Amino acid sequence: MPTYEYECELCGLKFERQQAISEGPLSECPECRGAVRRLISGGTGFLFKVSGRGREGCSLERTGRTCCGREERCGNASCGENS
C-alpha cells in the first residue's frame, strides 16, 4: 500500500498514512479535526521481485557461508529458504 503525506490547514500538523490506491484522500486532521490536504511528495521507489533470482540455491553449499555470513541458513530468499 502506498504511503500518503498530509498537512492540516488549521494546526499545520504533517502526518503520513498508508492507504489503498482505491481509497479517497483523508479530509480531517487526527489532532484538531481541521481540514487536511494531501501533499505532493518526492515519491517512493518500487520493489520489483524478479523470478529466477536466488534459484541457484544457498551460498552455504558453494562457499560454506550464507549471504549474510552465517554458517547455517538464515531464512533470506537468497539463502534458498523462500525461493
PDB file of N, CA and C in Angstrom:
ATOM      1  N   MET A   1       0.829  -1.183   0.000  1.00  0.00           N
ATOM      2  CA  MET A   1       0.000   0.000   0.000  1.00  0.00           C
ATOM      3  C   MET A   1       0.872   1.245   0.000  1.00  0.00           C
ATOM      4  N   PRO A   2       0.497   2.227  -0.765  1.00  0.00           N
ATOM      5  CA  PRO A   2       1.272   3.473  -0.781  1.00  0.00           C
ATOM      6  C   PRO A   2       1.081   4.274   0.506  1.00  0.00           C
ATOM      7  N   THR A   3       2.078   5.074   0.809  1.00  0.00           N
ATOM      8  CA  THR A   3       2.017   5.981   1.945  1.00  0.00           C
ATOM      9  C   THR A   3       1.821   7.390   1.421  1.00  0.00           C
ATOM     10  N   TYR A   4       0.805   8.064   1.956  1.00  0.00           N
ATOM     11  CA  TYR A   4       0.497   9.423   1.538  1.00  0.00           C
ATOM     12  C   TYR A   4       0.819  10.387   2.674  1.00  0.00           C
ATOM     13  N   GLU A   5       1.277  11.577   2.323  1.00  0.00           N
ATOM     14  CA  GLU A   5       1.611  12.602   3.305  1.00  0.00           C
ATOM     15  C   GLU A   5       0.527  13.675   3.272  1.00  0.00           C
ATOM     16  N   TYR A   6       0.121  14.094   4.459  1.00  0.00           N
ATOM     17  CA  TYR A   6      -0.929  15.099   4.607  1.00  0.00           C
ATOM     18  C   TYR A   6      -0.436  16.248   5.477  1.00  0.00           C
ATOM     19  N   GLU A   7      -1.096  17.407   5.326  1.00  0.00           N
ATOM     20  CA  GLU A   7      -0.828  18.552   6.189  1.00  0.00           C
ATOM     21  C   GLU A   7      -2.161  19.184   6.573  1.00  0.00           C
ATOM     22  N   CYS A   8      -2.298  19.478   7.873  1.00  0.00           N
ATOM     23  CA  CYS A   8      -3.511  20.123   8.363  1.00  0.00           C
ATOM     24  C   CYS A   8      -3.455  21.608   8.031  1.00  0.00           C
ATOM     25  N   GLU A   9      -4.539  22.125   7.487  1.00  0.00           N
ATOM     26  CA  GLU A   9      -4.607  23.540   7.138  1.00  0.00           C
ATOM     27  C   GLU A   9      -4.844  24.418   8.366  1.00  0.00           C
ATOM     28  N   LEU A  10      -5.281  23.822   9.486  1.00  0.00           N
ATOM     29  CA  LEU A  10      -5.575  24.594  10.684  1.00  0.00           C
ATOM     30  C   LEU A  10      -4.384  24.633  11.650  1.00  0.00           C
ATOM     31  N   CYS A  11      -3.870  23.462  12.030  1.00  0.00           N
ATOM     32  CA  CYS A  11      -2.792  23.429  13.031  1.00  0.00           C
ATOM     33  C   CYS A  11      -1.404  23.186  12.433  1.00  0.00           C
ATOM     34  N   GLY A  12      -1.339  22.845  11.135  1.00  0.00           N
ATOM     35  CA  GLY A  12      -0.050  22.656  10.477  1.00  0.00           C
ATOM     36  C   GLY A  12       0.579  21.290  10.680  1.00  0.00           C
ATOM     37  N   LEU A  13      -0.110  20.365  11.353  1.00  0.00           N
ATOM     38  CA  LEU A  13       0.424  19.017  11.581  1.00  0.00           C
ATOM     39  C   LEU A  13       0.669  18.313  10.254  1.00  0.00           C
ATOM     40  N   LYS A  14       1.855  17.726  10.122  1.00  0.00           N
ATOM     41  CA  LYS A  14       2.161  16.893   8.960  1.00  0.00           C
ATOM     42  C   LYS A  14       2.196  15.450   9.434  1.00  0.00           C
ATOM     43  N   PHE A  15       1.536  14.570   8.682  1.00  0.00           N
ATOM     44  CA  PHE A  15       1.488  13.168   9.052  1.00  0.00           C
ATOM     45  C   PHE A  15       1.363  12.306   7.801  1.00  0.00           C
ATOM     46  N   GLU A  16       1.640  11.018   7.962  1.00  0.00           N
ATOM     47  CA  GLU A  16       1.577  10.067   6.860  1.00  0.00           C
ATOM     48  C   GLU A  16       0.556   8.992   7.183  1.00  0.00           C
ATOM     49  N   ARG A  17      -0.065   8.427   6.129  1.00  0.00           N
ATOM     50  CA  ARG A  17      -0.983   7.317   6.286  1.00  0.00           C
ATOM     51  C   ARG A  17      -0.786   6.347   5.127  1.00  0.00           C
ATOM     52  N   GLN A  18      -0.791   5.070   5.442  1.00  0.00           N
ATOM     53  CA  GLN A  18      -0.804   4.057   4.397  1.00  0.00           C
ATOM     54  C   GLN A  18      -2.257   3.847   4.000  1.00  0.00           C
ATOM     55  N   GLN A  19      -2.514   3.937   2.704  1.00  0.00           N
ATOM     56  CA  GLN A  19      -3.872   3.783   2.200  1.00  0.00           C
ATOM     57  C   GLN A  19      -3.833   3.017   0.894  1.00  0.00           C
ATOM     58  N   ALA A  20      -4.882   2.255   0.653  1.00  0.00           N
ATOM     59  CA  ALA A  20      -5.022   1.594  -0.638  1.00  0.00           C
ATOM     60  C   ALA A  20      -5.210   2.665  -1.711  1.00  0.00           C
ATOM     61  N   ILE A  21      -4.769   2.367  -2.905  1.00  0.00           N
ATOM     62  CA  ILE A  21      -4.905   3.325  -4.010  1.00  0.00           C
ATOM     63  C   ILE A  21      -6.370   3.646  -4.261  1.00  0.00           C
ATOM     64  N   SER A  22      -7.251   2.686  -4.004  1.00  0.00           N
ATOM     65  CA  SER A  22      -8.679   2.888  -4.244  1.00  0.00           C
ATOM     66  C   SER A  22      -9.349   3.771  -3.189  1.00  0.00           C
ATOM     67  N   GLU A  23      -8.684   4.009  -2.056  1.00  0.00           N
ATOM     68  CA  GLU A  23      -9.259   4.867  -1.014  1.00  0.00           C
ATOM     69  C   GLU A  23      -9.144   6.334  -1.395  1.00  0.00           C
ATOM     70  N   GLY A  24     -10.135   7.097  -1.007  1.00  0.00           N
ATOM     71  CA  GLY A  24     -10.096   8.542  -1.223  1.00  0.00           C
ATOM     72  C   GLY A  24      -9.160   9.200  -0.228  1.00  0.00           C
ATOM     73  N   PRO A  25      -8.765  10.446  -0.483  1.00  0.00           N
ATOM     74  CA  PRO A  25      -7.876  11.146   0.450  1.00  0.00           C
ATOM     75  C   PRO A  25      -8.578  11.437   1.774  1.00  0.00           C
ATOM     76  N   LEU A  26      -7.784  11.542   2.835  1.00  0.00           N
ATOM     77  CA  LEU A  26      -8.328  11.913   4.141  1.00  0.00           C
ATOM     78  C   LEU A  26      -8.806  13.356   4.090  1.00  0.00           C
ATOM     79  N   SER A  27      -9.744  13.704   4.973  1.00  0.00           N
ATOM     80  CA  SER A  27     -10.259  15.071   4.972  1.00  0.00           C
ATOM     81  C   SER A  27     -10.140  15.746   6.334  1.00  0.00           C
ATOM     82  N   GLU A  28      -9.785  14.980   7.383  1.00  0.00           N
ATOM     83  CA  GLU A  28      -9.798  15.525   8.731  1.00  0.00           C
ATOM     84  C   GLU A  28      -8.499  15.225   9.467  1.00  0.00           C
ATOM     85  N   CYS A  29      -7.973  16.213  10.171  1.00  0.00           N
ATOM     86  CA  CYS A  29      -6.753  16.084  10.966  1.00  0.00           C
ATOM     87  C   CYS A  29      -7.015  15.197  12.185  1.00  0.00           C
ATOM     88  N   PRO A  30      -6.107  14.260  12.466  1.00  0.00           N
ATOM     89  CA  PRO A  30      -6.310  13.407  13.636  1.00  0.00           C
ATOM     90  C   PRO A  30      -6.115  14.142  14.960  1.00  0.00           C
ATOM     91  N   GLU A  31      -5.483  15.315  14.949  1.00  0.00           N
ATOM     92  CA  GLU A  31      -5.232  16.079  16.178  1.00  0.00           C
ATOM     93  C   GLU A  31      -6.336  17.084  16.470  1.00  0.00           C
ATOM     94  N   CYS A  32      -6.614  17.969  15.513  1.00  0.00           N
ATOM     95  CA  CYS A  32      -7.551  19.077  15.776  1.00  0.00           C
ATOM     96  C   CYS A  32      -8.845  18.985  14.975  1.00  0.00           C
ATOM     97  N   ARG A  33      -8.943  17.980  14.125  1.00  0.00           N
ATOM     98  CA  ARG A  33     -10.111  17.758  13.266  1.00  0.00           C
ATOM     99  C   ARG A  33     -10.292  18.837  12.194  1.00  0.00           C
ATOM    100  N   GLY A  34      -9.232  19.620  11.942  1.00  0.00           N
ATOM    101  CA  GLY A  34      -9.265  20.605  10.871  1.00  0.00           C
ATOM    102  C   GLY A  34      -9.154  19.924   9.513  1.00  0.00           C
ATOM    103  N   ALA A  35      -9.353  20.683   8.464  1.00  0.00           N
ATOM    104  CA  ALA A  35      -9.259  20.167   7.104  1.00  0.00           C
ATOM    105  C   ALA A  35      -7.792  19.874   6.756  1.00  0.00           C
ATOM    106  N   VAL A  36      -7.564  18.788   6.038  1.00  0.00           N
ATOM    107  CA  VAL A  36      -6.201  18.437   5.614  1.00  0.00           C
ATOM    108  C   VAL A  36      -6.136  18.394   4.096  1.00  0.00           C
ATOM    109  N   ARG A  37      -4.922  18.537   3.620  1.00  0.00           N
ATOM    110  CA  ARG A  37      -4.684  18.395   2.181  1.00  0.00           C
ATOM    111  C   ARG A  37      -3.560  17.399   1.979  1.00  0.00           C
ATOM    112  N   ARG A  38      -3.671  16.624   0.922  1.00  0.00           N
ATOM    113  CA  ARG A  38      -2.628  15.655   0.589  1.00  0.00           C
ATOM    114  C   ARG A  38      -1.490  16.396  -0.095  1.00  0.00           C
ATOM    115  N   LEU A  39      -0.281  16.147   0.356  1.00  0.00           N
ATOM    116  CA  LEU A  39       0.893  16.810  -0.201  1.00  0.00           C
ATOM    117  C   LEU A  39       1.474  15.998  -1.347  1.00  0.00           C
ATOM    118  N   ILE A  40       2.106  16.686  -2.250  1.00  0.00           N
ATOM    119  CA  ILE A  40       2.850  16.024  -3.315  1.00  0.00           C
ATOM    120  C   ILE A  40       4.255  15.816  -2.779  1.00  0.00           C
ATOM    121  N   SER A  41       4.674  14.571  -2.735  1.00  0.00           N
ATOM    122  CA  SER A  41       5.992  14.278  -2.174  1.00  0.00           C
ATOM    123  C   SER A  41       6.928  13.785  -3.271  1.00  0.00           C
ATOM    124  N   GLY A  42       8.158  13.552  -2.869  1.00  0.00           N
ATOM    125  CA  GLY A  42       9.174  13.083  -3.809  1.00  0.00           C
ATOM    126  C   GLY A  42       8.917  11.697  -4.340  1.00  0.00           C
ATOM    127  N   GLY A  43       7.949  11.020  -3.758  1.00  0.00           N
ATOM    128  CA  GLY A  43       7.618   9.692  -4.227  1.00  0.00           C
ATOM    129  C   GLY A  43       8.444   8.632  -3.527  1.00  0.00           C
ATOM    130  N   THR A  44       8.113   7.420  -3.823  1.00  0.00           N
ATOM    131  CA  THR A  44       8.820   6.291  -3.246  1.00  0.00           C
ATOM    132  C   THR A  44       9.272   5.381  -4.358  1.00  0.00           C
ATOM    133  N   GLY A  45      10.186   4.539  -4.026  1.00  0.00           N
ATOM    134  CA  GLY A  45      10.649   3.564  -5.003  1.00  0.00           C
ATOM    135  C   GLY A  45       9.730   2.368  -5.042  1.00  0.00           C
ATOM    136  N   PHE A  46       9.823   1.622  -6.087  1.00  0.00           N
ATOM    137  CA  PHE A  46       9.073   0.387  -6.223  1.00  0.00           C
ATOM    138  C   PHE A  46      10.037  -0.770  -6.116  1.00  0.00           C
ATOM    139  N   LEU A  47       9.605  -1.824  -5.494  1.00  0.00           N
ATOM    140  CA  LEU A  47      10.405  -3.016  -5.369  1.00  0.00           C
ATOM    141  C   LEU A  47       9.817  -4.069  -6.289  1.00  0.00           C
ATOM    142  N   PHE A  48      10.576  -4.473  -7.270  1.00  0.00           N
ATOM    143  CA  PHE A  48      10.135  -5.491  -8.201  1.00  0.00           C
ATOM    144  C   PHE A  48      10.786  -6.804  -7.830  1.00  0.00           C
ATOM    145  N   LYS A  49       9.984  -7.837  -7.738  1.00  0.00           N
ATOM    146  CA  LYS A  49      10.518  -9.163  -7.470  1.00  0.00           C
ATOM    147  C   LYS A  49      10.809  -9.814  -8.805  1.00  0.00           C
ATOM    148  N   VAL A  50      12.012 -10.296  -8.953  1.00  0.00           N
ATOM    149  CA  VAL A  50      12.439 -10.899 -10.204  1.00  0.00           C
ATOM    150  C   VAL A  50      12.409 -12.407 -10.034  1.00  0.00           C
ATOM    151  N   SER A  51      11.621 -13.063 -10.864  1.00  0.00           N
ATOM    152  CA  SER A  51      11.581 -14.515 -10.757  1.00  0.00           C
ATOM    153  C   SER A  51      12.902 -15.091 -11.252  1.00  0.00           C
ATOM    154  N   GLY A  52      13.313 -16.153 -10.635  1.00  0.00           N
ATOM    155  CA  GLY A  52      14.574 -16.794 -11.006  1.00  0.00           C
ATOM    156  C   GLY A  52      15.733 -16.383 -10.136  1.00  0.00           C
ATOM    157  N   ARG A  53      15.617 -15.257  -9.444  1.00  0.00           N
ATOM    158  CA  ARG A  53      16.703 -14.804  -8.581  1.00  0.00           C
ATOM    159  C   ARG A  53      16.777 -15.699  -7.353  1.00  0.00           C
ATOM    160  N   GLY A  54      17.938 -16.087  -6.973  1.00  0.00           N
ATOM    161  CA  GLY A  54      18.107 -16.948  -5.820  1.00  0.00           C
ATOM    162  C   GLY A  54      17.871 -18.410  -6.126  1.00  0.00           C
ATOM    163  N   ARG A  55      17.617 -18.742  -7.353  1.00  0.00           N
ATOM    164  CA  ARG A  55      17.339 -20.126  -7.724  1.00  0.00           C
ATOM    165  C   ARG A  55      18.594 -20.989  -7.728  1.00  0.00           C
ATOM    166  N   GLU A  56      19.732 -20.361  -7.714  1.00  0.00           N
ATOM    167  CA  GLU A  56      20.967 -21.133  -7.730  1.00  0.00           C
ATOM    168  C   GLU A  56      21.232 -21.811  -6.394  1.00  0.00           C
ATOM    169  N   GLY A  57      20.354 -21.582  -5.435  1.00  0.00           N
ATOM    170  CA  GLY A  57      20.484 -22.245  -4.148  1.00  0.00           C
ATOM    171  C   GLY A  57      21.279 -21.415  -3.166  1.00  0.00           C
ATOM    172  N   CYS A  58      21.370 -21.967  -2.004  1.00  0.00           N
ATOM    173  CA  CYS A  58      22.048 -21.275  -0.913  1.00  0.00           C
ATOM    174  C   CYS A  58      23.547 -21.227  -1.162  1.00  0.00           C
ATOM    175  N   SER A  59      24.159 -20.083  -0.855  1.00  0.00           N
ATOM    176  CA  SER A  59      25.608 -19.963  -0.998  1.00  0.00           C
ATOM    177  C   SER A  59      26.334 -20.836   0.021  1.00  0.00           C
ATOM    178  N   LEU A  60      25.614 -21.340   1.015  1.00  0.00           N
ATOM    179  CA  LEU A  60      26.195 -22.222   2.017  1.00  0.00           C
ATOM    180  C   LEU A  60      26.810 -23.456   1.356  1.00  0.00           C
ATOM    181  N   GLU A  61      26.116 -24.000   0.380  1.00  0.00           N
ATOM    182  CA  GLU A  61      26.635 -25.192  -0.313  1.00  0.00           C
ATOM    183  C   GLU A  61      27.872 -24.885  -1.156  1.00  0.00           C
ATOM    184  N   ARG A  62      27.960 -23.672  -1.693  1.00  0.00           N
ATOM    185  CA  ARG A  62      29.085 -23.318  -2.550  1.00  0.00           C
ATOM    186  C   ARG A  62      30.279 -22.777  -1.779  1.00  0.00           C
ATOM    187  N   THR A  63      30.009 -21.990  -0.727  1.00  0.00           N
ATOM    188  CA  THR A  63      31.105 -21.274  -0.069  1.00  0.00           C
ATOM    189  C   THR A  63      31.300 -21.629   1.404  1.00  0.00           C
ATOM    190  N   GLY A  64      30.328 -22.338   1.983  1.00  0.00           N
ATOM    191  CA  GLY A  64      30.410 -22.650   3.397  1.00  0.00           C
ATOM    192  C   GLY A  64      29.804 -21.579   4.281  1.00  0.00           C
ATOM    193  N   ARG A  65      29.338 -20.477   3.680  1.00  0.00           N
ATOM    194  CA  ARG A  65      28.680 -19.393   4.419  1.00  0.00           C
ATOM    195  C   ARG A  65      27.469 -18.916   3.617  1.00  0.00           C
ATOM    196  N   THR A  66      26.496 -18.390   4.328  1.00  0.00           N
ATOM    197  CA  THR A  66      25.310 -17.858   3.651  1.00  0.00           C
ATOM    198  C   THR A  66      25.586 -16.445   3.150  1.00  0.00           C
ATOM    199  N   CYS A  67      24.569 -15.841   2.534  1.00  0.00           N
ATOM    200  CA  CYS A  67      24.699 -14.483   2.003  1.00  0.00           C
ATOM    201  C   CYS A  67      25.024 -13.469   3.097  1.00  0.00           C
ATOM    202  N   CYS A  68      24.631 -13.775   4.325  1.00  0.00           N
ATOM    203  CA  CYS A  68      24.865 -12.826   5.418  1.00  0.00           C
ATOM    204  C   CYS A  68      25.997 -13.283   6.331  1.00  0.00           C
ATOM    205  N   GLY A  69      26.762 -14.301   5.914  1.00  0.00           N
ATOM    206  CA  GLY A  69      27.944 -14.693   6.660  1.00  0.00           C
ATOM    207  C   GLY A  69      27.743 -15.777   7.702  1.00  0.00           C
ATOM    208  N   ARG A  70      26.524 -16.271   7.837  1.00  0.00           N
ATOM    209  CA  ARG A  70      26.270 -17.328   8.819  1.00  0.00           C
ATOM    210  C   ARG A  70      26.743 -18.680   8.297  1.00  0.00           C
ATOM    211  N   GLU A  71      26.874 -19.600   9.215  1.00  0.00           N
ATOM    212  CA  GLU A  71      27.272 -20.955   8.847  1.00  0.00           C
ATOM    213  C   GLU A  71      26.070 -21.885   8.762  1.00  0.00           C
ATOM    214  N   GLU A  72      24.858 -21.326   8.875  1.00  0.00           N
ATOM    215  CA  GLU A  72      23.625 -22.078   8.647  1.00  0.00           C
ATOM    216  C   GLU A  72      22.667 -21.164   7.879  1.00  0.00           C
ATOM    217  N   ARG A  73      21.614 -21.734   7.305  1.00  0.00           N
ATOM    218  CA  ARG A  73      20.667 -20.934   6.519  1.00  0.00           C
ATOM    219  C   ARG A  73      20.062 -19.844   7.394  1.00  0.00           C
ATOM    220  N   CYS A  74      19.918 -18.644   6.825  1.00  0.00           N
ATOM    221  CA  CYS A  74      19.427 -17.505   7.604  1.00  0.00           C
ATOM    222  C   CYS A  74      17.962 -17.201   7.371  1.00  0.00           C
ATOM    223  N   GLY A  75      17.334 -17.786   6.366  1.00  0.00           N
ATOM    224  CA  GLY A  75      15.932 -17.506   6.077  1.00  0.00           C
ATOM    225  C   GLY A  75      15.729 -16.483   4.980  1.00  0.00           C
ATOM    226  N   ASN A  76      16.776 -15.798   4.543  1.00  0.00           N
ATOM    227  CA  ASN A  76      16.647 -14.853   3.425  1.00  0.00           C
ATOM    228  C   ASN A  76      16.414 -15.627   2.137  1.00  0.00           C
ATOM    229  N   ALA A  77      15.669 -15.031   1.221  1.00  0.00           N
ATOM    230  CA  ALA A  77      15.366 -15.694  -0.046  1.00  0.00           C
ATOM    231  C   ALA A  77      16.647 -16.075  -0.792  1.00  0.00           C
ATOM    232  N   SER A  78      17.678 -15.252  -0.703  1.00  0.00           N
ATOM    233  CA  SER A  78      18.914 -15.559  -1.418  1.00  0.00           C
ATOM    234  C   SER A  78      19.649 -16.740  -0.790  1.00  0.00           C
ATOM    235  N   CYS A  79      19.244 -17.142   0.410  1.00  0.00           N
ATOM    236  CA  CYS A  79      19.833 -18.328   1.036  1.00  0.00           C
ATOM    237  C   CYS A  79      19.014 -19.566   0.737  1.00  0.00           C
ATOM    238  N   GLY A  80      18.006 -19.440  -0.108  1.00  0.00           N
ATOM    239  CA  GLY A  80      17.271 -20.594  -0.575  1.00  0.00           C
ATOM    240  C   GLY A  80      16.036 -20.968   0.238  1.00  0.00           C
ATOM    241  N   GLU A  81      15.770 -20.317   1.347  1.00  0.00           N
ATOM    242  CA  GLU A  81      14.634 -20.698   2.183  1.00  0.00           C
ATOM    243  C   GLU A  81      13.295 -20.365   1.525  1.00  0.00           C
ATOM    244  N   ASN A  82      13.214 -19.199   0.877  1.00  0.00           N
ATOM    245  CA  ASN A  82      11.923 -18.741   0.345  1.00  0.00           C
ATOM    246  C   ASN A  82      11.898 -18.721  -1.174  1.00  0.00           C
ATOM    247  N   SER A  83      12.844 -19.292  -1.814  1.00  0.00           N
ATOM    248  CA  SER A  83      12.839 -19.214  -3.292  1.00  0.00           C
ATOM    249  C   SER A  83      12.146 -20.396  -3.892  1.00  0.00           C
TER     250      SER A  83
END
